[in-house]
Amino acid sequence: MDDVTPSTSDADLIRTYARDHSQAAFAELVRRHVDWVYSAARRQVTDPADADDVTQSVFILLARKAGTFGEHPLLTVWLFRVTRLMAADARKLRARRRKHERLAAQHRTDLTTMPPDNDPSPWERLAPILDDAIARLGVKDRQAVLIRYFQRKSHADVARQLGISEGAAKMRVARAVDRLRDLLARRGVTTTSSALSASLTSHTVEAAPATLAAASAAPLATAASTTTASLVKGAVFAMAWSKTKLAIVAVALAALLTTGTVMTVRQHFAAPRAASTAVAAPAGVANHPKNDPEWRKAFDQAYALEPGQVLRRVPPPFIDQRLDWIIQDQAYIAREEIEAGRTSLTVEWDPSAGRVTRQIGFAGGAASLGTILRAVLGAESYRIEAPRHLRRAVIPGDWVIRKGSTLEERAAALEQILGEQAGLAVTIRKRRVPRDAIVVSGTLNPTAAAATVHLYSDQKDTTLSGKGSGVFPGFLQSLARLTGRQVVNESLTPLDRKIGWALHTSGRVGDMPPKRAAAKIDMILANVSRQSGLQFRRETRSVDVWEVTEKEPGNEPTK
């Protein structure tokens, strides 16, 4: 029996449809979401027919997945993600169809005088990049934007769906709009937060064609076109691969924490894997022909350094072989993310061998200057000092480092490349400066060495965010990363002493204001001292940092 009202939650409608095959429940889901799904698809694929196919495919997949949907916290987020996946596939299909029409199209263009385009409106400049920018928001900010502007809900509705107060919902929406504005500014679209909010309110959603809404409301009864079937198949593969990569990350983290090795998961996967431990990719992932001489020759030519060259940026578009490399070595990254170009690879070039010998780093998102500095200079974030707007500046591309080069040589080369290729006139210098550091003294007691030292600020916090074990320096490096402070080891503890540690969520410092961060770190250190028998204290010490400053026009600093 169908018991569907406008107040029935999305989750209840999905359960009703999955249990009873209730067409009324599914029709209500379509009524609620079809307009904004169609509008998002329309922005991303531009062609109305493709937008129709994407929209119908989204709801076909929802119908197929209803029985396994579980307790997903927000249907809107799931629909937004699937829409982007299918829109990306639709663009590829459209490009293939047009491939054989280009010569004829060129001929028609030559015979026709085209009138000049008028300057695009603010919304026309914003629309093509809006959904990609929203996808780059944090989860909570993305949820707030989707509910408020895509579903056209009030702040009270945002609060109810997110389980927060109405005041907190207003603050979250405002914060999300501010961050979205910053992301758009990096893509060349500048606006104010109030103007952006007005544009989102006025233009984000348009009514879907009535025939499309009707067809989407009965997805399993509607004959799927070849395009629709292809889009659904592609999305199913992408989502299955996304689950696989999460499992791989869990295995990688377990391996890292068991050995006590301190590195990022991306760096872990950069190391060559033996065939016996390799994780098989789902069907449809490209083969990995890295041992083929022709493949290797093309890859090395694309990433080669000139004689004497220390550092090189390889901007997009990338060669096809790059995708083969990444799929093999970064198996946890979704294929659609790689193909969208939102990745950055850092490799080492060996001039004596005349080839790329290893991978140094990998960023799964658009490469910010902060990410590039860490990859090129090998410095942790707390050893890099740069204004926030510089840290977050996006410079797409891969990086090639000459084997045996010094950090100072790399910094000088990076400074030159940023000025010539990214328009960033900056100075990068290593300096020894007084900074708040953590000094360790005393000796690790035998009880702590045999047990697990817990890193938290709140003793009641039992939520773990990770575990590790290994030698004493690995423990200190985890503490440094957790607190964002250099750790100076003055203890008498042997460096090969084994120790286990556990990270708790209350131990995260992040980007807190200085006074709050200092207070939290003091609590963490007091708890660690009590458990380990070591003495941890904050002191001002001279530490090495990489300082990035903007050059003033006409006032270049002397070297």
Protein backbone atom coordinates (compact mmCIF):
# COMPACT_ATOMS: atom_id res chain seq x y z
CA MET A 1 0.00 0.00 0.00
CA ASP A 2 1.30 3.42 -0.95
CA ASP A 3 1.43 5.85 1.96
CA VAL A 4 3.21 8.81 0.37
CA THR A 5 2.86 12.43 1.43
CA PRO A 6 4.96 15.54 0.75
CA SER A 7 6.30 15.26 4.30
CA THR A 8 7.59 11.69 3.86
CA SER A 9 11.39 11.70 4.03
CA ASP A 10 13.55 10.70 1.07
CA ALA A 11 14.90 7.77 3.06
CA ASP A 12 11.38 6.47 3.78
CA LEU A 13 10.42 6.84 0.11
CA ILE A 14 13.47 4.85 -0.99
CA ARG A 15 12.70 2.11 1.53
CA THR A 16 9.06 2.01 0.42
CA TYR A 17 10.05 1.72 -3.22
CA ALA A 18 12.67 -0.96 -2.52
CA ARG A 19 10.26 -2.99 -0.37
CA ASP A 20 6.95 -2.58 -2.23
CA HIS A 21 8.02 -1.37 -5.71
CA SER A 22 5.75 1.60 -5.02
CA GLN A 23 5.52 3.75 -8.14
CA ALA A 24 3.94 6.51 -6.07
CA ALA A 25 6.98 6.61 -3.79
CA PHE A 26 9.38 6.76 -6.72
CA ALA A 27 7.29 9.39 -8.51
CA GLU A 28 7.49 11.57 -5.39
CA LEU A 29 11.27 11.21 -5.34
CA VAL A 30 11.43 12.26 -8.98
CA ARG A 31 9.08 15.21 -8.37
CA ARG A 32 11.35 16.48 -5.60
CA HIS A 33 14.64 16.17 -7.42
CA VAL A 34 14.15 16.04 -11.19
CA ASP A 35 14.31 19.80 -11.78
CA TRP A 36 17.65 20.37 -10.11
CA VAL A 37 19.16 17.13 -11.47
CA TYR A 38 18.15 18.20 -14.99
CA SER A 39 19.49 21.72 -14.38
CA ALA A 40 22.84 20.40 -13.17
CA ALA A 41 23.06 18.06 -16.15
CA ARG A 42 22.13 20.90 -18.51
CA ARG A 43 24.99 23.05 -17.19
CA GLN A 44 27.52 20.27 -17.55
CA VAL A 45 26.64 18.83 -20.96
CA THR A 46 25.05 21.93 -22.59
CA ASP A 47 23.15 19.84 -25.16
CA PRO A 48 19.47 19.48 -24.11
CA ALA A 49 19.19 15.95 -25.51
CA ASP A 50 22.25 14.84 -23.54
CA ALA A 51 20.81 16.47 -20.41
CA ASP A 52 17.64 14.45 -20.90
CA ASP A 53 19.66 11.23 -21.19
CA VAL A 54 21.73 12.04 -18.11
CA THR A 55 18.67 12.87 -16.01
CA GLN A 56 16.79 9.74 -16.98
CA SER A 57 19.92 7.64 -16.40
CA VAL A 58 20.33 9.06 -12.89
CA PHE A 59 16.85 7.95 -11.87
CA ILE A 60 17.22 4.57 -13.58
CA LEU A 61 20.31 3.98 -11.46
CA LEU A 62 18.49 5.18 -8.34
CA ALA A 63 15.75 2.63 -9.00
CA ARG A 64 18.30 -0.15 -9.47
CA LYS A 65 20.22 0.81 -6.33
CA ALA A 66 17.22 1.44 -4.08
CA GLY A 67 17.44 -1.97 -2.43
CA THR A 68 21.07 -1.44 -1.45
CA PHE A 69 20.88 2.24 -0.63
CA GLY A 70 20.85 1.65 3.12
CA GLU A 71 20.88 4.63 5.42
CA HIS A 72 22.62 7.12 3.15
CA PRO A 73 22.40 10.40 5.07
CA LEU A 74 21.43 12.59 2.16
CA LEU A 75 19.97 11.52 -1.17
CA THR A 76 20.79 14.92 -2.68
CA VAL A 77 24.53 14.32 -2.30
CA TRP A 78 24.26 10.90 -3.95
CA LEU A 79 22.23 12.30 -6.87
CA PHE A 80 24.68 15.18 -7.32
CA ARG A 81 27.64 12.81 -7.52
CA VAL A 82 25.94 10.43 -9.95
CA THR A 83 24.85 13.35 -12.13
CA ARG A 84 28.45 14.51 -12.44
CA LEU A 85 29.67 10.99 -13.26
CA MET A 86 27.08 10.54 -15.99
CA ALA A 87 27.54 14.06 -17.38
CA ALA A 88 31.27 13.38 -17.76
CA ASP A 89 30.50 10.17 -19.68
CA ALA A 90 27.91 11.97 -21.80
CA ARG A 91 30.49 14.55 -22.84
CA LYS A 92 32.85 11.77 -23.92
CA LEU A 93 30.11 10.07 -25.94
CA ARG A 94 29.20 13.36 -27.60
CA ALA A 95 32.88 14.00 -28.46
CA ARG A 96 33.15 10.60 -30.12
CA ARG A 97 30.02 11.22 -32.18
CA ARG A 98 31.36 14.55 -33.35
CA LYS A 99 34.81 13.28 -34.20
CA HIS A 100 33.85 12.30 -37.76
CA GLU A 101 31.87 15.52 -38.33
CA ARG A 102 34.71 17.97 -37.70
CA LEU A 103 35.86 18.37 -41.29
CA ALA A 104 32.34 19.07 -42.51
CA ALA A 105 31.75 21.46 -39.63
CA GLN A 106 35.00 23.28 -40.44
CA HIS A 107 33.93 23.62 -44.04
CA ARG A 108 30.57 25.11 -43.09
CA THR A 109 32.29 27.55 -40.74
CA ASP A 110 34.63 28.71 -43.52
CA LEU A 111 31.65 29.50 -45.76
CA THR A 112 29.66 31.33 -43.11
CA THR A 113 30.31 34.70 -41.57
CA MET A 114 29.72 34.26 -37.87
CA PRO A 115 28.55 37.29 -35.88
CA PRO A 116 30.69 38.19 -32.88
CA ASP A 117 29.52 36.79 -29.56
CA ASN A 118 28.13 39.21 -27.04
CA ASP A 119 29.87 39.42 -23.68
CA PRO A 120 28.54 36.61 -21.51
CA SER A 121 26.41 37.48 -18.50
CA PRO A 122 27.72 36.77 -14.98
CA TRP A 123 25.60 33.60 -14.81
CA GLU A 124 26.84 32.40 -18.23
CA ARG A 125 30.41 32.69 -16.96
CA LEU A 126 29.52 30.95 -13.71
CA ALA A 127 27.30 28.09 -14.90
CA PRO A 128 29.92 25.94 -16.74
CA ILE A 129 32.15 25.67 -13.67
CA LEU A 130 29.58 25.82 -10.86
CA ASP A 131 29.02 22.09 -10.32
CA ASP A 132 32.72 21.30 -10.42
CA ALA A 133 33.36 23.99 -7.79
CA ILE A 134 30.56 22.64 -5.58
CA ALA A 135 32.07 19.16 -5.85
CA ARG A 136 35.32 20.57 -4.43
CA LEU A 137 33.64 21.88 -1.29
CA GLY A 138 33.92 19.95 1.94
CA VAL A 139 31.13 17.45 2.60
CA LYS A 140 29.25 19.63 5.10
CA ASP A 141 29.47 22.75 2.93
CA ARG A 142 28.38 20.79 -0.15
CA GLN A 143 25.36 19.41 1.71
CA ALA A 144 24.34 22.90 2.81
CA VAL A 145 24.58 24.34 -0.73
CA LEU A 146 22.69 21.45 -2.33
CA ILE A 147 19.81 21.59 0.15
CA ARG A 148 19.53 25.38 0.23
CA TYR A 149 19.95 26.22 -3.47
CA PHE A 150 19.41 23.01 -5.45
CA GLN A 151 16.43 21.77 -3.46
CA ARG A 152 15.34 25.36 -2.73
CA LYS A 153 14.82 24.69 0.94
CA SER A 154 14.64 27.16 3.83
CA HIS A 155 17.27 27.42 6.52
CA ALA A 156 14.88 25.56 8.81
CA ASP A 157 14.79 22.69 6.29
CA VAL A 158 18.59 22.73 6.04
CA ALA A 159 18.77 22.52 9.84
CA ARG A 160 16.30 19.62 9.96
CA GLN A 161 18.05 17.58 7.28
CA LEU A 162 21.51 18.11 8.76
CA GLY A 163 20.43 17.69 12.38
CA ILE A 164 21.64 21.12 13.55
CA SER A 165 20.02 24.31 14.84
CA GLU A 166 18.58 26.87 12.43
CA GLY A 167 21.21 29.41 13.50
CA ALA A 168 23.97 26.91 12.80
CA ALA A 169 22.39 26.13 9.41
CA LYS A 170 22.44 29.83 8.45
CA MET A 171 26.10 30.06 9.42
CA ARG A 172 26.96 26.88 7.51
CA VAL A 173 25.22 28.08 4.34
CA ALA A 174 26.95 31.48 4.55
CA ARG A 175 30.32 29.83 5.12
CA ALA A 176 29.76 27.44 2.21
CA VAL A 177 28.90 30.33 -0.13
CA ASP A 178 32.07 32.16 0.94
CA ARG A 179 34.19 29.10 0.21
CA LEU A 180 32.41 28.52 -3.09
CA ARG A 181 33.14 32.13 -4.05
CA ASP A 182 36.85 31.55 -3.33
CA LEU A 183 36.88 28.40 -5.48
CA LEU A 184 35.21 30.24 -8.35
CA ALA A 185 37.68 33.10 -8.08
CA ARG A 186 40.52 30.65 -8.72
CA ARG A 187 38.77 29.71 -11.95
CA GLY A 188 38.56 33.37 -13.03
CA VAL A 189 34.97 34.13 -11.96
CA THR A 190 34.96 36.87 -9.34
CA THR A 191 31.84 37.87 -7.44
CA THR A 192 30.66 38.78 -3.97
CA SER A 193 29.04 36.34 -1.57
CA SER A 194 25.71 38.18 -1.72
CA ALA A 195 25.74 38.26 -5.53
CA LEU A 196 26.66 34.58 -5.68
CA SER A 197 23.84 33.70 -3.28
CA ALA A 198 21.40 35.69 -5.44
CA SER A 199 22.59 33.92 -8.60
CA LEU A 200 22.25 30.51 -6.98
CA THR A 201 18.74 31.36 -5.83
CA SER A 202 17.63 32.71 -9.21
CA HIS A 203 19.36 30.49 -11.76
CA THR A 204 20.41 27.16 -10.28
CA VAL A 205 17.19 25.27 -10.97
CA GLU A 206 15.00 25.30 -14.06
CA ALA A 207 11.98 23.12 -14.70
CA ALA A 208 12.69 19.82 -16.41
CA PRO A 209 10.59 18.99 -19.49
CA ALA A 210 7.29 17.40 -18.46
CA THR A 211 7.89 14.37 -20.68
CA LEU A 212 11.28 13.82 -19.06
CA ALA A 213 9.83 13.98 -15.56
CA ALA A 214 7.14 11.48 -16.50
CA ALA A 215 9.63 9.07 -18.08
CA SER A 216 11.98 9.33 -15.10
CA ALA A 217 9.16 8.58 -12.66
CA ALA A 218 8.77 5.10 -14.18
CA PRO A 219 12.41 4.20 -14.87
CA LEU A 220 12.06 0.44 -15.09
CA ALA A 221 9.07 0.65 -17.40
CA THR A 222 10.78 3.01 -19.84
CA ALA A 223 12.84 1.63 -22.68
CA ALA A 224 16.40 2.80 -22.23
CA SER A 225 18.22 4.28 -25.21
CA THR A 226 21.69 3.12 -26.15
CA THR A 227 23.11 6.31 -24.66
CA THR A 228 21.16 5.91 -21.41
CA ALA A 229 22.22 2.30 -21.03
CA SER A 230 25.85 3.29 -21.59
CA LEU A 231 25.66 6.06 -19.00
CA VAL A 232 24.12 3.77 -16.38
CA LYS A 233 26.73 1.09 -17.04
CA GLY A 234 29.54 3.64 -16.73
CA ALA A 235 28.21 5.03 -13.47
CA VAL A 236 27.79 1.56 -11.97
CA PHE A 237 31.42 0.78 -12.81
CA ALA A 238 32.69 4.10 -11.44
CA MET A 239 30.83 3.67 -8.17
CA ALA A 240 31.96 0.06 -7.78
CA TRP A 241 35.53 1.17 -8.42
CA SER A 242 35.12 3.91 -5.82
CA LYS A 243 34.21 1.26 -3.21
CA THR A 244 37.19 -0.83 -4.30
CA LYS A 245 39.60 2.06 -3.87
CA LEU A 246 38.33 2.64 -0.32
CA ALA A 247 39.10 -0.97 0.52
CA ILE A 248 42.57 -0.56 -0.94
CA VAL A 249 43.14 2.56 1.16
CA ALA A 250 42.18 0.61 4.28
CA VAL A 251 44.70 -2.10 3.41
CA ALA A 252 47.38 0.52 2.73
CA LEU A 253 46.73 2.31 6.00
CA ALA A 254 46.89 -0.94 7.91
CA ALA A 255 50.23 -1.73 6.30
CA LEU A 256 51.59 1.73 7.03
CA LEU A 257 50.49 1.72 10.65
CA THR A 258 51.76 -1.80 11.23
CA THR A 259 55.24 -0.92 10.03
CA GLY A 260 55.29 2.50 11.63
CA THR A 261 56.41 4.02 8.34
CA VAL A 262 55.38 7.66 8.11
CA MET A 263 54.26 8.67 4.64
CA THR A 264 51.07 9.49 2.80
CA VAL A 265 48.90 6.77 1.28
CA ARG A 266 49.58 8.24 -2.14
CA GLN A 267 53.32 7.96 -1.59
CA HIS A 268 52.88 4.39 -0.38
CA PHE A 269 51.28 3.38 -3.63
CA ALA A 270 54.05 5.06 -5.60
CA ALA A 271 56.40 2.23 -4.68
CA PRO A 272 56.48 -0.71 -7.10
CA ARG A 273 54.27 -3.58 -5.99
CA ALA A 274 55.11 -7.23 -6.41
CA ALA A 275 52.72 -9.20 -8.57
CA SER A 276 51.71 -11.36 -5.63
CA THR A 277 50.48 -8.35 -3.63
CA ALA A 278 48.95 -6.30 -6.42
CA VAL A 279 45.24 -5.56 -6.14
CA ALA A 280 43.29 -6.57 -9.19
CA ALA A 281 41.34 -3.71 -10.75
CA PRO A 282 37.68 -4.13 -11.72
CA ALA A 283 36.86 -5.22 -15.21
CA GLY A 284 37.14 -2.37 -17.67
CA VAL A 285 40.26 -0.71 -16.22
CA ALA A 286 42.97 -0.34 -18.84
CA ASN A 287 45.87 -2.80 -18.90
CA HIS A 288 49.18 -1.52 -17.61
CA PRO A 289 51.76 -1.80 -20.40
CA LYS A 290 54.60 -0.18 -18.43
CA ASN A 291 57.01 -2.94 -19.42
CA ASP A 292 56.38 -2.40 -23.12
CA PRO A 293 59.45 -0.68 -24.67
CA GLU A 294 57.40 1.64 -26.89
CA TRP A 295 55.16 2.67 -23.99
CA ARG A 296 58.20 3.31 -21.82
CA LYS A 297 59.94 5.34 -24.51
CA ALA A 298 56.89 7.62 -24.97
CA PHE A 299 56.50 8.13 -21.22
CA ASP A 300 60.17 8.94 -20.66
CA GLN A 301 60.22 11.35 -23.60
CA ALA A 302 57.23 13.23 -22.19
CA TYR A 303 58.83 13.55 -18.74
CA ALA A 304 62.47 14.02 -19.78
CA LEU A 305 64.70 16.76 -18.37
CA GLU A 306 67.18 18.72 -20.45
CA PRO A 307 70.87 18.44 -19.53
CA GLY A 308 71.43 20.48 -16.37
CA GLN A 309 67.71 21.05 -15.81
CA VAL A 310 66.75 20.56 -12.15
CA LEU A 311 62.96 20.83 -12.21
CA ARG A 312 60.26 20.82 -14.86
CA ARG A 313 56.52 21.35 -14.89
CA VAL A 314 54.57 19.21 -17.37
CA PRO A 315 51.26 21.03 -17.95
CA PRO A 316 48.07 19.41 -19.24
CA PRO A 317 46.96 18.02 -21.63
CA PHE A 318 48.81 14.85 -20.67
CA ILE A 319 49.90 11.91 -22.77
CA ASP A 320 47.77 8.73 -22.70
CA GLN A 321 50.54 6.75 -21.03
CA ARG A 322 50.19 8.89 -17.90
CA LEU A 323 46.77 7.38 -17.23
CA ASP A 324 48.26 3.86 -17.44
CA TRP A 325 50.91 4.82 -14.91
CA ILE A 326 48.41 6.31 -12.43
CA ILE A 327 45.87 3.50 -12.69
CA GLN A 328 48.57 1.01 -11.80
CA ASP A 329 50.25 2.96 -9.02
CA GLN A 330 47.26 4.87 -7.63
CA ALA A 331 44.68 2.10 -7.79
CA TYR A 332 42.54 3.74 -5.10
CA ILE A 333 41.84 6.82 -7.29
CA ALA A 334 38.60 6.78 -9.29
CA ARG A 335 39.15 6.61 -13.04
CA GLU A 336 36.87 9.58 -13.74
CA GLU A 337 38.95 11.75 -11.40
CA ILE A 338 42.11 10.84 -13.28
CA GLU A 339 40.57 11.49 -16.68
CA ALA A 340 39.21 14.85 -15.52
CA GLY A 341 42.79 15.98 -14.95
CA ARG A 342 42.34 16.81 -11.27
CA THR A 343 45.60 15.07 -10.32
CA SER A 344 49.27 15.92 -10.06
CA LEU A 345 52.17 13.50 -10.41
CA THR A 346 55.72 14.09 -9.14
CA VAL A 347 58.43 11.82 -10.55
CA GLU A 348 62.21 11.60 -10.41
CA TRP A 349 64.36 11.72 -13.55
CA ASP A 350 67.70 9.93 -13.48
CA PRO A 351 70.01 11.63 -16.02
CA SER A 352 72.49 8.74 -15.99
CA ALA A 353 69.74 6.24 -16.90
CA GLY A 354 67.89 8.67 -19.17
CA ARG A 355 64.51 7.74 -17.76
CA VAL A 356 61.99 8.23 -14.97
CA THR A 357 63.11 5.89 -12.20
CA ARG A 358 60.51 6.38 -9.51
CA GLN A 359 57.46 8.29 -8.38
CA ILE A 360 57.92 10.73 -5.50
CA GLY A 361 54.38 11.91 -4.86
CA PHE A 362 50.84 12.04 -6.10
CA ALA A 363 48.00 14.48 -5.39
CA GLY A 364 44.45 13.24 -5.97
CA GLY A 365 43.09 16.76 -6.44
CA ALA A 366 44.05 19.88 -8.31
CA ALA A 367 47.64 20.70 -7.28
CA SER A 368 47.81 23.71 -4.98
CA LEU A 369 51.10 25.47 -4.36
CA GLY A 370 51.14 24.00 -0.85
CA THR A 371 50.95 20.48 -2.31
CA ILE A 372 53.66 21.29 -4.87
CA LEU A 373 55.99 22.67 -2.20
CA ARG A 374 55.63 19.51 -0.14
CA ALA A 375 56.27 17.28 -3.17
CA VAL A 376 59.21 19.22 -4.61
CA LEU A 377 60.92 20.19 -1.34
CA GLY A 378 59.90 17.17 0.74
CA ALA A 379 58.77 19.41 3.59
CA GLU A 380 55.85 18.79 5.93
CA SER A 381 53.15 21.45 5.93
CA TYR A 382 54.27 22.80 9.30
CA ARG A 383 57.69 23.55 7.79
CA ILE A 384 56.20 25.69 5.02
CA GLU A 385 55.26 29.31 5.70
CA ALA A 386 53.21 30.99 2.99
CA PRO A 387 50.16 33.27 2.87
CA ARG A 388 46.94 31.29 2.57
CA HIS A 389 46.09 32.68 -0.88
CA LEU A 390 49.48 31.52 -2.18
CA ARG A 391 49.22 28.11 -0.52
CA ARG A 392 45.85 27.55 -2.17
CA ALA A 393 46.79 28.83 -5.63
CA VAL A 394 46.15 26.02 -8.13
CA ILE A 395 48.88 25.25 -10.68
CA PRO A 396 47.77 22.29 -12.83
CA GLY A 397 50.43 19.93 -14.04
CA ASP A 398 52.96 17.26 -13.16
CA TRP A 399 56.48 17.81 -11.83
CA VAL A 400 59.80 16.17 -12.72
CA ILE A 401 62.74 16.38 -10.30
CA ARG A 402 66.34 15.58 -11.23
CA LYS A 403 67.82 12.81 -9.12
CA GLY A 404 70.59 14.07 -6.84
CA SER A 405 69.50 17.72 -6.95
CA THR A 406 69.62 19.68 -3.71
CA LEU A 407 66.59 21.23 -2.08
CA GLU A 408 68.05 24.70 -2.64
CA GLU A 409 68.44 23.98 -6.38
CA ARG A 410 64.84 22.79 -6.56
CA ALA A 411 63.56 25.85 -4.69
CA ALA A 412 65.36 28.22 -7.09
CA ALA A 413 64.04 26.34 -10.13
CA LEU A 414 60.49 26.24 -8.71
CA GLU A 415 60.61 29.98 -8.06
CA GLN A 416 61.53 30.61 -11.71
CA ILE A 417 58.86 28.25 -13.09
CA LEU A 418 56.11 29.78 -10.94
CA GLY A 419 57.01 33.23 -12.23
CA GLU A 420 57.26 32.26 -15.90
CA GLN A 421 54.42 29.74 -16.18
CA ALA A 422 51.94 30.57 -13.41
CA GLY A 423 52.33 34.31 -13.04
CA LEU A 424 53.32 33.97 -9.37
CA ALA A 425 56.22 36.30 -8.57
CA VAL A 426 57.44 34.72 -5.35
CA THR A 427 60.62 34.15 -3.41
CA ILE A 428 61.24 30.72 -1.84
CA ARG A 429 63.92 30.65 0.83
CA LYS A 430 64.89 28.26 3.61
CA ARG A 431 65.31 30.14 6.85
CA ARG A 432 66.14 29.22 10.42
CA VAL A 433 63.60 31.01 12.55
CA PRO A 434 62.30 30.87 16.14
CA ARG A 435 59.06 28.93 16.26
CA ASP A 436 56.84 27.17 18.76
CA ALA A 437 58.24 23.62 18.95
CA ILE A 438 57.75 20.52 21.09
CA VAL A 439 60.80 19.38 23.05
CA VAL A 440 61.00 15.78 24.30
CA SER A 441 63.24 14.77 27.21
CA GLY A 442 63.55 11.87 29.65
CA THR A 443 63.31 8.15 28.84
CA LEU A 444 60.37 6.12 27.60
CA ASN A 445 59.27 3.85 30.45
CA PRO A 446 59.06 0.09 29.80
CA THR A 447 55.29 0.00 30.39
CA ALA A 448 54.65 2.56 27.65
CA ALA A 449 57.03 0.79 25.28
CA ALA A 450 55.04 -2.42 25.69
CA ALA A 451 51.63 -0.74 25.45
CA THR A 452 49.91 1.80 23.20
CA VAL A 453 50.30 5.52 23.82
CA HIS A 454 47.05 7.37 23.09
CA LEU A 455 47.17 10.87 21.61
CA TYR A 456 44.13 12.90 22.64
CA SER A 457 43.19 16.13 24.38
CA ASP A 458 40.01 14.77 25.97
CA GLN A 459 40.46 11.68 28.13
CA LYS A 460 36.82 10.73 27.49
CA ASP A 461 37.39 10.58 23.73
CA THR A 462 37.33 6.94 22.63
CA THR A 463 36.99 7.58 18.88
CA LEU A 464 40.11 6.49 17.02
CA SER A 465 41.22 8.08 13.77
CA GLY A 466 44.21 5.80 13.28
CA LYS A 467 46.80 3.53 14.86
CA GLY A 468 50.51 3.08 14.37
CA SER A 469 53.49 1.14 15.61
CA GLY A 470 57.18 1.23 14.93
CA VAL A 471 60.37 2.79 16.22
CA PHE A 472 60.52 5.85 18.46
CA PRO A 473 61.18 8.49 15.73
CA GLY A 474 58.04 7.35 13.90
CA PHE A 475 55.99 8.05 17.01
CA LEU A 476 57.51 11.54 17.31
CA GLN A 477 56.82 12.27 13.64
CA SER A 478 53.15 11.29 14.10
CA LEU A 479 53.00 13.69 17.05
CA ALA A 480 54.54 16.43 14.89
CA ARG A 481 51.97 15.92 12.14
CA LEU A 482 49.10 15.81 14.61
CA THR A 483 50.08 19.07 16.30
CA GLY A 484 51.62 20.87 13.32
CA ARG A 485 54.76 21.57 15.36
CA GLN A 486 58.40 20.57 14.90
CA VAL A 487 59.42 17.96 17.52
CA VAL A 488 62.94 18.27 18.94
CA ASN A 489 64.13 14.96 20.40
CA GLU A 490 66.37 15.45 23.43
CA SER A 491 65.33 12.25 25.19
CA LEU A 492 67.60 9.36 26.12
CA THR A 493 65.27 6.84 24.49
CA PRO A 494 67.07 4.60 21.94
CA LEU A 495 65.98 5.42 18.39
CA ASP A 496 65.25 1.75 17.67
CA ARG A 497 62.91 1.39 20.68
CA LYS A 498 59.57 -0.07 19.55
CA ILE A 499 56.36 1.74 20.47
CA GLY A 500 52.69 1.71 19.48
CA TRP A 501 50.40 4.72 19.31
CA ALA A 502 46.76 5.55 18.64
CA LEU A 503 45.36 8.83 17.28
CA HIS A 504 42.05 10.09 18.66
CA THR A 505 39.72 12.59 17.00
CA SER A 506 40.05 15.05 19.90
CA GLY A 507 43.76 15.28 19.16
CA ARG A 508 43.28 17.03 15.83
CA VAL A 509 44.60 20.58 15.86
CA GLY A 510 44.13 21.62 12.22
CA ASP A 511 43.79 25.34 11.46
CA MET A 512 42.74 26.46 14.93
CA PRO A 513 43.53 30.03 16.06
CA PRO A 514 46.93 30.17 17.78
CA LYS A 515 45.64 30.44 21.37
CA ARG A 516 43.16 27.56 20.98
CA ALA A 517 45.78 25.44 19.22
CA ALA A 518 48.32 26.05 21.99
CA ALA A 519 45.81 25.10 24.69
CA LYS A 520 44.87 21.88 22.87
CA ILE A 521 48.52 20.94 22.30
CA ASP A 522 49.26 21.47 25.99
CA MET A 523 46.47 19.01 26.86
CA ILE A 524 47.76 16.46 24.35
CA LEU A 525 51.31 16.72 25.69
CA ALA A 526 50.15 16.38 29.30
CA ASN A 527 48.29 13.18 28.42
CA VAL A 528 51.23 11.75 26.47
CA SER A 529 53.68 12.61 29.27
CA ARG A 530 51.47 10.86 31.82
CA GLN A 531 51.33 7.66 29.73
CA SER A 532 54.93 7.50 28.51
CA GLY A 533 57.08 8.78 31.36
CA LEU A 534 58.65 11.24 28.89
CA GLN A 535 58.55 14.99 29.38
CA PHE A 536 56.92 16.98 26.58
CA ARG A 537 56.89 20.75 26.66
CA ARG A 538 56.38 23.62 24.24
CA GLU A 539 59.38 25.87 23.75
CA THR A 540 60.53 28.43 21.25
CA ARG A 541 63.32 26.86 19.22
CA SER A 542 65.13 27.71 16.02
CA VAL A 543 63.80 25.46 13.24
CA ASP A 544 64.24 25.29 9.47
CA VAL A 545 61.23 26.47 7.44
CA TRP A 546 60.61 27.18 3.77
CA GLU A 547 59.27 30.73 3.52
CA VAL A 548 57.30 31.83 0.47
CA THR A 549 56.80 35.57 -0.01
CA GLU A 550 55.48 37.67 -2.86
CA LYS A 551 57.94 39.89 -4.70
CA GLU A 552 57.08 43.55 -4.83
CA PRO A 553 57.03 45.01 -8.37
CA GLY A 554 60.29 46.82 -9.06
CA ASN A 555 61.81 45.69 -5.80
CA GLU A 556 63.29 42.27 -6.45
CA PRO A 557 65.06 40.79 -3.42
CA THR A 558 68.78 40.13 -3.75
CA LYS A 559 70.03 36.58 -3.54
